[in-house]
Amino acid sequence: MEPIKIGILNLMQNKLETMANFQQALGPDVESIFYYSATRYINRPLDSQVTANMKPLDLTEVKNLDGFIITGSPVEKLDFPQVSYFDEINRLLDLLDQLNIPQLYVYWGAMAALNRLYNIDKIILPHKAFGIFQNQILDTSPLLENISDNFPSPHARYAEMNHEEIQNDPDLKITAVSENGLLTLVESLTKHQTFIFSHLEYQQDSLDKEYHRELNSPKVKHPMPAMNYYSPLDHQPMFSWKQTQQIFYKNWLTHVNAHKLTTC
């Protein structure tokens, strides 16, 4: 059988690091096709390493893929229409919804998808949720099979989606929440759509790199280091979510492969 083909729209600023994170999380047996926003980078330069490893989003290619991932993006403080590639994202979301191939929406990608597909509102948090938090499983899910309750995972965001609106939608369920009450995993009951608000794709040093980017950014006031992340012994980053990452992405790829077999 041909390898699973996963399209990944990479909306993060640190595109090469994000690409490496997802390649590591998905494993070597997946053919990952990385895209960047075609409208965001009209008349804007991109690093040659980015253009050598990724290509502008082409909606005509999506129907040939077995699954699709939309990554996070550091734009969650903006209203959705203020995002420069908003229309492009909506066209992709509508197409994925129509094709109903397995979709994994991460962080801001999950926010944009829940808003577009289910009209769920976004809420700005009083401060950034940043660190490794325990996550409670609220409902059974094949995606959480062999993952223990209160599993650790990284959260790094300034916004949240409206819980009440999700709970009132008969097509959605909240599968897991963090110890501080934030969304971790939301799933569609009728479509092959998963919305994950934890950066489970992050590698051991990802939160540390994010913290130092914020330290060097004039746009971020008083950044704080990630909670529950640095070892009390040597103050180095710990990789407490590594096993969870491996199991979750294996479970999702099992779902993608099962769907592929039913459509062959």
Protein backbone atom coordinates (compact mmCIF):
# COMPACT_ATOMS: atom_id res chain seq x y z
CA MET A 1 0.00 0.00 0.00
CA GLU A 2 1.14 3.54 -0.71
CA PRO A 3 2.16 5.61 2.31
CA ILE A 4 -0.43 7.81 3.96
CA LYS A 5 -0.38 11.27 2.39
CA ILE A 6 -1.02 14.11 4.84
CA GLY A 7 -1.31 17.72 3.73
CA ILE A 8 -0.18 20.26 6.32
CA LEU A 9 -0.94 23.97 6.03
CA ASN A 10 1.90 25.52 8.01
CA LEU A 11 0.78 28.89 9.37
CA MET A 12 3.40 29.29 12.08
CA GLN A 13 6.11 31.97 11.85
CA ASN A 14 8.86 29.44 12.62
CA LYS A 15 7.93 27.33 9.61
CA LEU A 16 11.03 25.13 9.44
CA GLU A 17 10.86 24.28 13.14
CA THR A 18 7.13 23.57 12.83
CA MET A 19 7.74 21.32 9.84
CA ALA A 20 10.35 19.36 11.79
CA ASN A 21 8.01 19.07 14.78
CA PHE A 22 5.21 17.54 12.72
CA GLN A 23 7.56 15.25 10.83
CA GLN A 24 8.80 13.92 14.16
CA ALA A 25 5.29 13.58 15.59
CA LEU A 26 3.87 11.83 12.51
CA GLY A 27 6.83 9.49 12.04
CA PRO A 28 8.84 8.35 9.02
CA ASP A 29 6.13 6.26 7.34
CA VAL A 30 3.96 9.27 6.44
CA GLU A 31 4.32 11.31 3.29
CA SER A 32 3.87 14.86 4.57
CA ILE A 33 3.17 17.60 2.03
CA PHE A 34 3.72 21.02 3.57
CA TYR A 35 1.99 24.13 2.30
CA TYR A 36 2.17 27.79 3.22
CA SER A 37 -0.53 30.40 2.67
CA ALA A 38 -0.58 31.48 -0.97
CA THR A 39 -2.29 34.80 -0.19
CA ARG A 40 -0.18 35.70 2.85
CA TYR A 41 3.05 35.72 0.86
CA ILE A 42 2.03 37.52 -2.31
CA ASN A 43 4.85 40.03 -2.88
CA ARG A 44 6.42 39.05 0.45
CA PRO A 45 9.77 37.26 0.63
CA LEU A 46 10.05 33.78 2.08
CA ASP A 47 13.20 32.03 3.24
CA SER A 48 14.61 29.89 0.43
CA GLN A 49 14.65 26.90 2.78
CA VAL A 50 10.90 27.33 3.24
CA THR A 51 10.18 27.45 -0.49
CA ALA A 52 12.51 24.48 -1.02
CA ASN A 53 10.50 22.33 1.43
CA MET A 54 6.97 23.75 1.16
CA LYS A 55 4.73 25.10 -1.55
CA PRO A 56 1.84 27.55 -1.73
CA LEU A 57 -1.53 26.07 -0.88
CA ASP A 58 -3.21 24.54 -3.94
CA LEU A 59 -6.82 23.52 -3.32
CA THR A 60 -6.84 21.29 -6.41
CA GLU A 61 -4.38 18.93 -4.70
CA VAL A 62 -6.40 18.42 -1.50
CA LYS A 63 -8.73 15.79 -2.96
CA ASN A 64 -5.71 13.53 -3.56
CA LEU A 65 -4.69 13.51 0.12
CA ASP A 66 -5.63 11.01 2.82
CA GLY A 67 -5.80 13.58 5.62
CA PHE A 68 -5.11 17.21 6.35
CA ILE A 69 -3.69 19.27 9.23
CA ILE A 70 -3.97 23.02 9.75
CA THR A 71 -1.40 24.23 12.26
CA GLY A 72 -1.55 27.00 14.78
CA SER A 73 -0.77 30.62 14.01
CA PRO A 74 0.17 33.50 16.33
CA VAL A 75 -2.88 35.56 15.36
CA GLU A 76 -5.45 34.46 17.95
CA LYS A 77 -5.79 37.98 19.38
CA LEU A 78 -7.11 39.19 16.01
CA ASP A 79 -10.74 38.86 15.00
CA PHE A 80 -10.95 36.22 12.29
CA PRO A 81 -11.72 38.68 9.42
CA GLN A 82 -8.62 40.68 10.37
CA VAL A 83 -6.33 37.77 9.46
CA SER A 84 -4.81 38.44 6.04
CA TYR A 85 -5.37 34.88 4.77
CA PHE A 86 -8.89 34.58 6.25
CA ASP A 87 -10.66 33.99 2.91
CA GLU A 88 -8.08 31.41 1.83
CA ILE A 89 -8.51 29.51 5.10
CA ASN A 90 -12.29 29.52 4.72
CA ARG A 91 -12.10 28.13 1.19
CA LEU A 92 -9.86 25.33 2.45
CA LEU A 93 -12.13 24.62 5.45
CA ASP A 94 -15.20 24.44 3.23
CA LEU A 95 -13.44 22.05 0.86
CA LEU A 96 -12.22 19.79 3.66
CA ASP A 97 -15.70 19.75 5.17
CA GLN A 98 -17.12 18.72 1.80
CA LEU A 99 -14.51 16.02 1.15
CA ASN A 100 -14.74 14.77 4.77
CA ILE A 101 -11.27 13.29 4.80
CA PRO A 102 -9.76 13.08 8.32
CA GLN A 103 -8.92 16.59 9.47
CA LEU A 104 -6.77 17.61 12.43
CA TYR A 105 -7.01 21.26 13.43
CA VAL A 106 -4.33 22.48 15.84
CA TYR A 107 -4.50 25.50 18.17
CA TRP A 108 -5.50 28.53 16.00
CA GLY A 109 -6.37 26.13 13.20
CA ALA A 110 -8.88 24.56 15.60
CA MET A 111 -10.26 27.98 16.51
CA ALA A 112 -10.73 28.99 12.87
CA ALA A 113 -12.32 25.65 11.97
CA LEU A 114 -14.78 25.65 14.90
CA ASN A 115 -15.78 29.19 14.05
CA ARG A 116 -16.24 28.56 10.33
CA LEU A 117 -17.80 25.12 10.45
CA TYR A 118 -19.83 25.39 13.69
CA ASN A 119 -20.11 29.14 14.37
CA ILE A 120 -18.33 28.84 17.75
CA ASP A 121 -17.10 32.15 19.19
CA LYS A 122 -13.54 32.90 20.26
CA ILE A 123 -12.74 34.43 23.67
CA ILE A 124 -9.52 36.24 24.57
CA LEU A 125 -7.96 34.93 27.79
CA PRO A 126 -6.92 37.37 30.55
CA HIS A 127 -3.35 36.10 30.20
CA LYS A 128 -1.44 33.57 28.13
CA ALA A 129 -1.85 29.91 29.04
CA PHE A 130 1.73 28.74 28.76
CA GLY A 131 3.17 25.55 30.15
CA ILE A 132 2.75 21.82 30.64
CA PHE A 133 -0.62 21.01 32.17
CA GLN A 134 -2.41 17.82 33.17
CA ASN A 135 -5.45 17.04 31.03
CA GLN A 136 -8.59 15.27 32.14
CA ILE A 137 -10.36 12.86 29.77
CA LEU A 138 -14.10 13.63 29.80
CA ASP A 139 -15.31 11.13 27.22
CA THR A 140 -14.01 8.03 25.49
CA SER A 141 -12.30 8.48 22.15
CA PRO A 142 -10.23 6.23 19.87
CA LEU A 143 -7.76 9.10 19.66
CA LEU A 144 -7.09 8.81 23.41
CA GLU A 145 -6.83 5.03 23.47
CA ASN A 146 -3.86 3.92 25.62
CA ILE A 147 -3.46 7.47 26.95
CA SER A 148 -3.97 7.72 30.71
CA ASP A 149 -6.26 10.23 32.38
CA ASN A 150 -4.56 13.44 33.53
CA PHE A 151 -2.03 13.17 30.73
CA PRO A 152 0.56 15.97 30.36
CA SER A 153 0.65 18.20 27.30
CA PRO A 154 1.85 21.67 26.28
CA HIS A 155 -0.52 24.64 26.05
CA ALA A 156 0.56 27.98 24.62
CA ARG A 157 -2.20 30.41 23.66
CA TYR A 158 -3.96 33.69 24.35
CA ALA A 159 -7.50 32.63 23.38
CA GLU A 160 -10.16 29.99 23.96
CA MET A 161 -13.42 28.92 22.32
CA ASN A 162 -16.82 29.23 23.95
CA HIS A 163 -17.43 26.02 25.94
CA GLU A 164 -21.17 26.51 26.26
CA GLU A 165 -21.64 26.89 22.52
CA ILE A 166 -19.66 23.70 21.91
CA GLN A 167 -21.66 21.79 24.54
CA ASN A 168 -24.91 23.00 22.99
CA ASP A 169 -23.96 21.78 19.52
CA PRO A 170 -25.24 18.20 19.03
CA ASP A 171 -22.50 17.50 16.48
CA LEU A 172 -19.60 18.28 18.83
CA LYS A 173 -18.19 16.85 22.04
CA ILE A 174 -15.47 18.03 24.40
CA THR A 175 -13.24 15.02 24.94
CA ALA A 176 -10.56 16.48 27.21
CA VAL A 177 -9.82 19.66 29.16
CA SER A 178 -6.74 20.95 30.94
CA GLU A 179 -6.38 21.21 34.70
CA ASN A 180 -7.10 24.94 34.45
CA GLY A 181 -10.34 24.32 32.58
CA LEU A 182 -9.19 25.07 29.04
CA LEU A 183 -10.07 23.00 26.01
CA THR A 184 -7.65 20.26 25.08
CA LEU A 185 -9.58 18.10 22.61
CA VAL A 186 -12.89 18.61 20.79
CA GLU A 187 -14.28 16.14 18.24
CA SER A 188 -17.07 16.09 15.72
CA LEU A 189 -19.64 13.34 16.21
CA THR A 190 -20.67 13.37 12.54
CA LYS A 191 -17.51 14.27 10.58
CA HIS A 192 -13.86 13.20 10.54
CA GLN A 193 -12.85 16.41 12.31
CA THR A 194 -10.59 16.72 15.37
CA PHE A 195 -9.78 20.00 17.11
CA ILE A 196 -6.76 19.92 19.41
CA PHE A 197 -5.82 22.92 21.54
CA SER A 198 -2.64 21.43 22.96
CA HIS A 199 0.61 21.69 21.00
CA LEU A 200 1.23 17.95 21.24
CA GLU A 201 3.44 18.21 18.15
CA TYR A 202 5.95 20.32 20.11
CA GLN A 203 9.33 18.75 20.77
CA GLN A 204 11.31 19.02 23.99
CA ASP A 205 12.78 22.48 23.39
CA SER A 206 9.80 24.07 21.60
CA LEU A 207 8.34 25.94 24.59
CA ASP A 208 11.78 27.21 25.54
CA LYS A 209 12.30 28.56 22.02
CA GLU A 210 8.86 30.19 22.11
CA TYR A 211 9.67 31.87 25.42
CA HIS A 212 12.94 33.28 24.08
CA ARG A 213 11.22 34.52 20.91
CA GLU A 214 8.80 36.44 23.11
CA LEU A 215 11.67 37.81 25.22
CA ASN A 216 13.16 39.24 22.04
CA SER A 217 9.87 40.58 20.67
CA PRO A 218 8.89 44.21 21.33
CA LYS A 219 5.24 43.17 20.89
CA VAL A 220 5.20 40.94 23.98
CA LYS A 221 5.21 42.63 27.36
CA HIS A 222 6.62 40.79 30.37
CA PRO A 223 6.71 37.23 28.93
CA MET A 224 6.83 34.48 31.52
CA PRO A 225 8.59 31.11 31.15
CA ALA A 226 6.47 28.01 30.65
CA MET A 227 5.01 26.50 33.82
CA ASN A 228 5.80 22.92 34.91
CA TYR A 229 8.35 22.63 32.12
CA TYR A 230 11.84 23.15 33.49
CA SER A 231 13.42 20.48 35.66
CA PRO A 232 13.88 21.54 39.30
CA LEU A 233 17.21 19.70 39.25
CA ASP A 234 19.03 21.26 36.32
CA HIS A 235 16.47 23.82 35.04
CA GLN A 236 16.47 22.22 31.60
CA PRO A 237 13.27 21.56 29.59
CA MET A 238 11.56 18.25 30.33
CA PHE A 239 9.76 16.20 27.64
CA SER A 240 6.96 14.90 29.84
CA TRP A 241 4.44 14.65 26.95
CA LYS A 242 6.65 12.58 24.59
CA GLN A 243 4.75 9.32 25.09
CA THR A 244 1.39 11.08 24.81
CA GLN A 245 2.52 12.66 21.55
CA GLN A 246 3.57 9.31 20.10
CA ILE A 247 0.33 7.55 21.07
CA PHE A 248 -2.01 10.36 20.01
CA TYR A 249 -0.51 10.77 16.54
CA LYS A 250 -0.36 6.99 16.08
CA ASN A 251 -4.06 6.81 16.97
CA TRP A 252 -4.92 9.62 14.55
CA LEU A 253 -2.94 8.00 11.72
CA THR A 254 -4.71 4.70 12.43
CA HIS A 255 -7.98 6.58 11.91
CA VAL A 256 -6.67 8.12 8.68
CA ASN A 257 -5.55 4.73 7.39
CA ALA A 258 -8.88 3.11 8.27
CA HIS A 259 -10.73 5.84 6.38
CA LYS A 260 -8.39 5.41 3.42
CA LEU A 261 -9.13 1.69 3.27
CA THR A 262 -12.87 2.31 3.17
CA THR A 263 -12.52 4.71 0.24
CA CYS A 264 -10.06 2.72 -1.89
